[in-house]
Structure formats: C-alpha cells, structure tokens
C-alpha cells in the first residue's frame, strides 16, 4: 500500500491492502476501497461509495458526489463501482438520489476525461464512454456499448448491448441492441464492427442484420415488427432484441431517412 502523506482520508473509510492513493486525494467517511485500487492526485471520493478491485481513478475525478437533482433531500444513497474500471481525468459520477437507491457501474469499463454519469444510472460491463459524454439520471447502458465524445443522453433512456453512439449525438429515445446511432439521433445500420469484435458468430450477425431489416426497413410499425421478429425465430441474440423492444417506455430511436 502506498498513501501519499498529503492525502486526506477519513478514519471511517475502509481501505484494503494494496491500494495506492496519490497527493491531495480526498476520501470521505463510509467509503470502501477494495484491493489494488489506484487513486491519482486530487481525486475526490465522497461518502457512501464502494470501489471494486483493480479500478483506477485518475486526477481530479469526483466520485460519489451529491446528485444534481432538485428533489434530492440528502438521504443515504450509494455509488457502487465494480472491478477493473478506468475512470479518467475530471470525470464525475454521482450517487443515487432516492433513499436506498444507487448508481451502479459494472466491471471493465473505460470512462474517459470529463465524462459525466448522473444519479441512478446503470452501466453494465466493457462499456466505453468517451470524453465529455454526459448521461442524465436513470440512464441504462448495456454490455459492450461505445458512447462517443460529447454525446448527451436524456433521462431514462436505455442503450442496448453492443450499440454504438456517434460523436455529439443527441439521444432522446431508446437505442436497440446491436445498432449504430448517428449524431442526429437516428439509427444508421447494425453495428457490424462491434458485433464482430464482440465475438458473435457469423450466423448471429446474419440474424441481427435480418432483424434490423424487419425492424427498420420493412415499413412496419413497432408492434407489427416485433410480431414479425418473433415469427422469424432468429436466435437468442434477436430474442434479446425483442425483449428490449417490448420493455421500451420512451420509444426507440427512428431510422435514418434515406434518399
């Protein structure tokens, strides 16, 4: 363990063996920092935060601060961060807003500089959130999503697994799994490169392309498109897509208008 003498650490914080804490970092009470975490200079870790093993928190990041929510009444809520995350310079992640609730970040995520994750977001695993992207409250992000820089995501939006969001996108509706969203908030195509990198089989990728055509190129409305997808029996990945579509409350992102 290496703790710089200028770090300010509450005696009520739990610091596991092998943790490295840099100059002028601040760790408040009721913080749990697990094995082999590295906290760089000037990072600020607020109370009710739990940080998983092998996570890196870089300079100036603010982790677990009060939610930016006018209804917040300073009740006990949490921020739970999993294992092997990289949280870069000046990123901000806020704890939950309602009593007993939590913001949750899974494992193996890469959160770049100046990114913001608001209260009660749920981030799954292997997610990349690029520089200055901003996630509003209650946003849900599935496995292996890539959110490009300067993107803004509206409250309660869901981003499905292996979706990719283009830079400076304005995301106001759910983004179905496996899709590529343009900056204007419209779906362009399946995320072909992402599907391949995620290790999906050729058959699974082919079925997802068929599902995309039914969902976005057939002219069917959403209920009828879902019915067609179910009749097509295109495998477990497409069933996951169907389940996502059925659970949408904000509606799904529309298709690009092709000439």
Protein backbone atom coordinates (compact mmCIF):
# COMPACT_ATOMS: atom_id res chain seq x y z
CA UNK A 1 0.00 0.00 0.00
CA UNK A 2 1.19 3.50 -0.85
CA UNK A 3 -0.65 6.51 0.55
CA UNK A 4 0.81 9.97 -0.04
CA UNK A 5 1.16 11.98 3.18
CA UNK A 6 -0.89 14.87 1.75
CA UNK A 7 -3.95 12.68 1.07
CA UNK A 8 -6.93 13.41 3.34
CA UNK A 9 -8.57 10.15 4.41
CA UNK A 10 -11.40 9.72 6.89
CA UNK A 11 -10.70 7.23 9.68
CA UNK A 12 -14.14 5.81 8.88
CA UNK A 13 -13.12 4.84 5.33
CA UNK A 14 -12.26 1.18 4.66
CA UNK A 15 -9.03 0.88 2.66
CA UNK A 16 -7.98 -2.62 1.54
CA UNK A 17 -4.38 -3.83 1.16
CA UNK A 18 -2.51 -2.86 -1.98
CA UNK A 19 -4.33 0.45 -2.55
CA UNK A 20 -2.35 3.41 -3.91
CA UNK A 21 -3.56 6.93 -3.13
CA UNK A 22 -1.86 9.96 -4.64
CA UNK A 23 -1.16 13.51 -3.43
CA UNK A 24 -4.06 15.63 -2.17
CA UNK A 25 -6.68 12.98 -2.84
CA UNK A 26 -9.69 13.14 -0.50
CA UNK A 27 -11.51 10.04 0.81
CA UNK A 28 -14.62 10.71 2.90
CA UNK A 29 -16.22 8.54 5.58
CA UNK A 30 -18.15 5.37 4.75
CA UNK A 31 -16.14 4.80 1.59
CA UNK A 32 -14.97 1.26 0.78
CA UNK A 33 -11.91 0.91 -1.45
CA UNK A 34 -11.04 -2.66 -2.34
CA UNK A 35 -7.79 -4.36 -3.22
CA UNK A 36 -5.26 -2.84 -5.65
CA UNK A 37 -7.28 0.29 -6.44
CA UNK A 38 -5.23 3.28 -7.61
CA UNK A 39 -6.46 6.80 -6.85
CA UNK A 40 -4.45 9.54 -8.53
CA UNK A 41 -3.68 13.05 -7.31
CA UNK A 42 -6.55 15.39 -6.42
CA UNK A 43 -9.29 12.82 -6.93
CA UNK A 44 -12.24 13.21 -4.54
CA UNK A 45 -14.13 10.13 -3.31
CA UNK A 46 -17.36 11.03 -1.49
CA UNK A 47 -19.15 9.08 1.22
CA UNK A 48 -21.30 6.02 0.50
CA UNK A 49 -19.06 4.96 -2.39
CA UNK A 50 -17.82 1.38 -2.95
CA UNK A 51 -14.93 0.92 -5.42
CA UNK A 52 -14.10 -2.56 -6.72
CA UNK A 53 -10.74 -4.27 -7.14
CA UNK A 54 -8.10 -3.02 -9.61
CA UNK A 55 -10.02 0.12 -10.53
CA UNK A 56 -8.09 3.27 -11.48
CA UNK A 57 -9.41 6.75 -10.67
CA UNK A 58 -7.36 9.48 -12.32
CA UNK A 59 -6.56 13.07 -11.45
CA UNK A 60 -9.36 15.39 -10.45
CA UNK A 61 -12.19 12.87 -10.81
CA UNK A 62 -15.15 13.39 -8.44
CA UNK A 63 -16.74 10.10 -7.47
CA UNK A 64 -19.97 9.64 -5.50
CA UNK A 65 -20.90 13.31 -5.03
CA UNK A 66 -24.44 14.55 -4.39
CA UNK A 67 -26.85 14.11 -7.33
CA UNK A 68 -27.78 17.14 -9.40
CA UNK A 69 -31.47 16.71 -8.65
CA UNK A 70 -33.70 19.40 -7.13
CA UNK A 71 -35.75 16.72 -5.36
CA UNK A 72 -32.71 15.33 -3.51
CA UNK A 73 -33.07 15.58 0.29
CA UNK A 74 -29.63 14.36 1.43
CA UNK A 75 -30.80 10.84 2.21
CA UNK A 76 -28.40 7.90 2.27
CA UNK A 77 -27.85 6.53 -1.23
CA UNK A 78 -24.87 4.86 -2.85
CA UNK A 79 -22.45 4.64 -5.74
CA UNK A 80 -21.24 1.11 -6.47
CA UNK A 81 -18.32 0.68 -8.87
CA UNK A 82 -17.17 -2.77 -9.94
CA UNK A 83 -13.79 -4.24 -10.83
CA UNK A 84 -11.06 -3.14 -13.25
CA UNK A 85 -12.67 0.13 -14.28
CA UNK A 86 -10.60 3.03 -15.63
CA UNK A 87 -12.05 6.44 -14.75
CA UNK A 88 -10.04 9.21 -16.35
CA UNK A 89 -9.31 12.84 -15.54
CA UNK A 90 -12.11 15.03 -14.17
CA UNK A 91 -14.86 12.51 -14.81
CA UNK A 92 -17.85 12.82 -12.45
CA UNK A 93 -20.11 10.03 -11.20
CA UNK A 94 -22.94 10.84 -8.75
CA UNK A 95 -24.68 8.62 -6.23
CA UNK A 96 -28.38 7.75 -6.25
CA UNK A 97 -30.99 10.38 -5.49
CA UNK A 98 -33.68 8.44 -3.62
CA UNK A 99 -33.01 6.95 -0.21
CA UNK A 100 -31.56 3.45 -0.53
CA UNK A 101 -31.02 3.75 -4.29
CA UNK A 102 -27.70 3.50 -6.12
CA UNK A 103 -25.79 4.43 -9.21
CA UNK A 104 -24.10 1.24 -10.42
CA UNK A 105 -21.06 0.83 -12.68
CA UNK A 106 -20.13 -2.74 -13.60
CA UNK A 107 -16.74 -4.23 -14.50
CA UNK A 108 -14.05 -3.44 -17.10
CA UNK A 109 -15.45 -0.09 -18.19
CA UNK A 110 -13.43 2.79 -19.64
CA UNK A 111 -14.80 6.21 -18.68
CA UNK A 112 -12.79 8.97 -20.35
CA UNK A 113 -11.96 12.50 -19.26
CA UNK A 114 -14.75 14.94 -18.33
CA UNK A 115 -17.45 12.30 -18.86
CA UNK A 116 -20.47 12.57 -16.55
CA UNK A 117 -22.63 9.75 -15.18
CA UNK A 118 -25.63 11.10 -13.29
CA UNK A 119 -27.62 9.66 -10.40
CA UNK A 120 -29.15 6.19 -10.64
CA UNK A 121 -27.52 5.26 -13.94
CA UNK A 122 -26.82 1.57 -14.52
CA UNK A 123 -23.70 0.83 -16.57
CA UNK A 124 -23.04 -2.82 -17.41
CA UNK A 125 -19.63 -4.26 -18.42
CA UNK A 126 -16.97 -3.47 -21.06
CA UNK A 127 -18.57 -0.10 -21.82
CA UNK A 128 -16.60 2.82 -23.29
CA UNK A 129 -17.82 6.34 -22.52
CA UNK A 130 -15.64 8.81 -24.41
CA UNK A 131 -14.56 12.34 -23.49
CA UNK A 132 -17.21 14.78 -22.26
CA UNK A 133 -20.16 12.46 -22.90
CA UNK A 134 -23.00 13.17 -20.46
CA UNK A 135 -25.51 10.62 -19.16
CA UNK A 136 -28.56 12.04 -17.40
CA UNK A 137 -30.32 10.39 -14.47
CA UNK A 138 -31.60 6.80 -14.67
CA UNK A 139 -29.90 6.03 -17.99
CA UNK A 140 -29.20 2.29 -18.54
CA UNK A 141 -26.28 1.16 -20.68
CA UNK A 142 -25.85 -2.47 -21.76
CA UNK A 143 -22.72 -4.57 -22.20
CA UNK A 144 -20.06 -3.50 -24.73
CA UNK A 145 -21.70 -0.21 -25.66
CA UNK A 146 -19.49 2.52 -27.15
CA UNK A 147 -20.62 6.10 -26.45
CA UNK A 148 -18.58 8.60 -28.45
CA UNK A 149 -17.41 12.00 -27.26
CA UNK A 150 -19.68 14.96 -26.49
CA UNK A 151 -22.80 12.81 -26.64
CA UNK A 152 -25.79 13.79 -24.48
CA UNK A 153 -28.27 11.18 -23.30
CA UNK A 154 -31.72 12.06 -21.94
CA UNK A 155 -33.07 10.82 -18.61
CA UNK A 156 -34.43 7.25 -18.52
CA UNK A 157 -33.03 6.33 -21.94
CA UNK A 158 -31.74 2.76 -22.40
CA UNK A 159 -28.81 1.87 -24.64
CA UNK A 160 -28.87 -1.79 -25.71
CA UNK A 161 -25.92 -4.16 -25.71
CA UNK A 162 -23.19 -3.68 -28.37
CA UNK A 163 -24.79 -0.46 -29.60
CA UNK A 164 -22.53 2.35 -30.80
CA UNK A 165 -23.39 6.04 -30.40
CA UNK A 166 -21.72 8.53 -32.76
CA UNK A 167 -19.95 11.65 -31.55
CA UNK A 168 -22.03 14.65 -30.49
CA UNK A 169 -25.20 12.57 -30.69
CA UNK A 170 -28.43 13.73 -29.08
CA UNK A 171 -30.08 10.63 -27.66
CA UNK A 172 -33.68 11.08 -26.52
CA UNK A 173 -35.11 7.59 -27.18
CA UNK A 174 -34.00 4.03 -26.52
CA UNK A 175 -31.25 2.67 -28.76
CA UNK A 176 -31.93 -1.00 -29.56
CA UNK A 177 -29.17 -3.57 -29.05
CA UNK A 178 -26.59 -4.04 -31.82
CA UNK A 179 -27.42 -0.76 -33.62
CA UNK A 180 -25.33 2.23 -34.72
CA UNK A 181 -26.84 5.63 -33.88
CA UNK A 182 -25.88 8.78 -35.79
CA UNK A 183 -25.34 12.20 -34.30
CA UNK A 184 -28.86 13.31 -35.19
CA UNK A 185 -30.37 10.55 -33.06
CA UNK A 186 -31.33 8.22 -35.92
CA UNK A 187 -30.32 4.59 -36.49
CA UNK A 188 -27.94 4.13 -39.42
CA UNK A 189 -27.30 0.38 -39.52
CA UNK A 190 -26.32 -2.58 -37.34
CA UNK A 191 -23.02 -2.08 -35.51
CA UNK A 192 -21.20 -4.53 -37.78
CA UNK A 193 -17.68 -3.89 -36.48
CA UNK A 194 -18.81 -4.02 -32.85
CA UNK A 195 -20.63 -7.32 -33.38
CA UNK A 196 -17.52 -8.87 -34.89
CA UNK A 197 -15.25 -7.55 -32.14
CA UNK A 198 -17.64 -8.90 -29.51
CA UNK A 199 -17.10 -12.39 -30.93
CA UNK A 200 -20.62 -13.06 -32.20
CA UNK A 201 -20.80 -15.90 -34.70
CA UNK A 202 -21.38 -15.30 -38.39
CA UNK A 203 -24.86 -16.79 -38.04
CA UNK A 204 -25.73 -14.48 -35.15
CA UNK A 205 -24.50 -11.45 -37.09
CA UNK A 206 -26.51 -12.54 -40.13
CA UNK A 207 -29.64 -12.92 -37.99
CA UNK A 208 -29.15 -9.47 -36.47
CA UNK A 209 -28.94 -7.97 -39.97
CA UNK A 210 -32.23 -9.69 -40.85
CA UNK A 211 -33.78 -8.35 -37.65
CA UNK A 212 -32.58 -4.83 -38.49
CA UNK A 213 -34.30 -5.01 -41.89
CA UNK A 214 -37.56 -6.17 -40.30
CA UNK A 215 -37.42 -3.51 -37.61
CA UNK A 216 -36.26 -0.55 -39.67
CA UNK A 217 -36.61 -1.27 -43.40
CA UNK A 218 -39.92 -3.13 -43.71
CA UNK A 219 -42.27 -0.19 -43.14
CA UNK A 220 -43.93 -1.98 -40.22
CA UNK A 221 -44.86 -0.17 -37.03
CA UNK A 222 -43.17 -1.36 -33.85
CA UNK A 223 -45.83 -3.86 -32.62
CA UNK A 224 -46.05 -5.48 -36.05
CA UNK A 225 -42.26 -5.52 -36.44
CA UNK A 226 -41.96 -7.29 -33.08
CA UNK A 227 -44.53 -9.85 -34.22
CA UNK A 228 -42.55 -10.49 -37.41
CA UNK A 229 -39.32 -10.86 -35.44
CA UNK A 230 -40.94 -13.42 -33.18
CA UNK A 231 -42.23 -15.44 -36.14
CA UNK A 232 -38.78 -15.41 -37.77
CA UNK A 233 -37.12 -17.36 -34.89
CA UNK A 234 -33.71 -15.72 -35.41
CA UNK A 235 -31.90 -16.97 -32.32
CA UNK A 236 -31.04 -15.85 -28.81
CA UNK A 237 -29.46 -12.52 -29.78
CA UNK A 238 -32.58 -11.44 -31.65
CA UNK A 239 -34.76 -12.65 -28.77
CA UNK A 240 -32.74 -10.29 -26.57
CA UNK A 241 -33.54 -7.52 -29.06
CA UNK A 242 -37.25 -8.39 -28.90
CA UNK A 243 -37.24 -8.32 -25.10
CA UNK A 244 -35.55 -4.90 -25.19
CA UNK A 245 -38.14 -3.54 -27.63
CA UNK A 246 -41.01 -4.83 -25.51
CA UNK A 247 -39.55 -3.06 -22.47
CA UNK A 248 -39.22 0.35 -24.12
CA UNK A 249 -41.14 3.17 -22.44
CA UNK A 250 -39.63 6.12 -24.32
CA UNK A 251 -39.93 4.57 -27.76
CA UNK A 252 -36.98 3.56 -29.91
CA UNK A 253 -34.70 5.76 -32.00
CA UNK A 254 -36.05 6.20 -35.55
CA UNK A 255 -34.35 5.14 -38.74
CA UNK A 256 -32.28 7.46 -40.90
CA UNK A 257 -34.27 8.92 -43.80
CA UNK A 258 -32.61 7.51 -46.89
CA UNK A 259 -32.89 9.29 -50.23
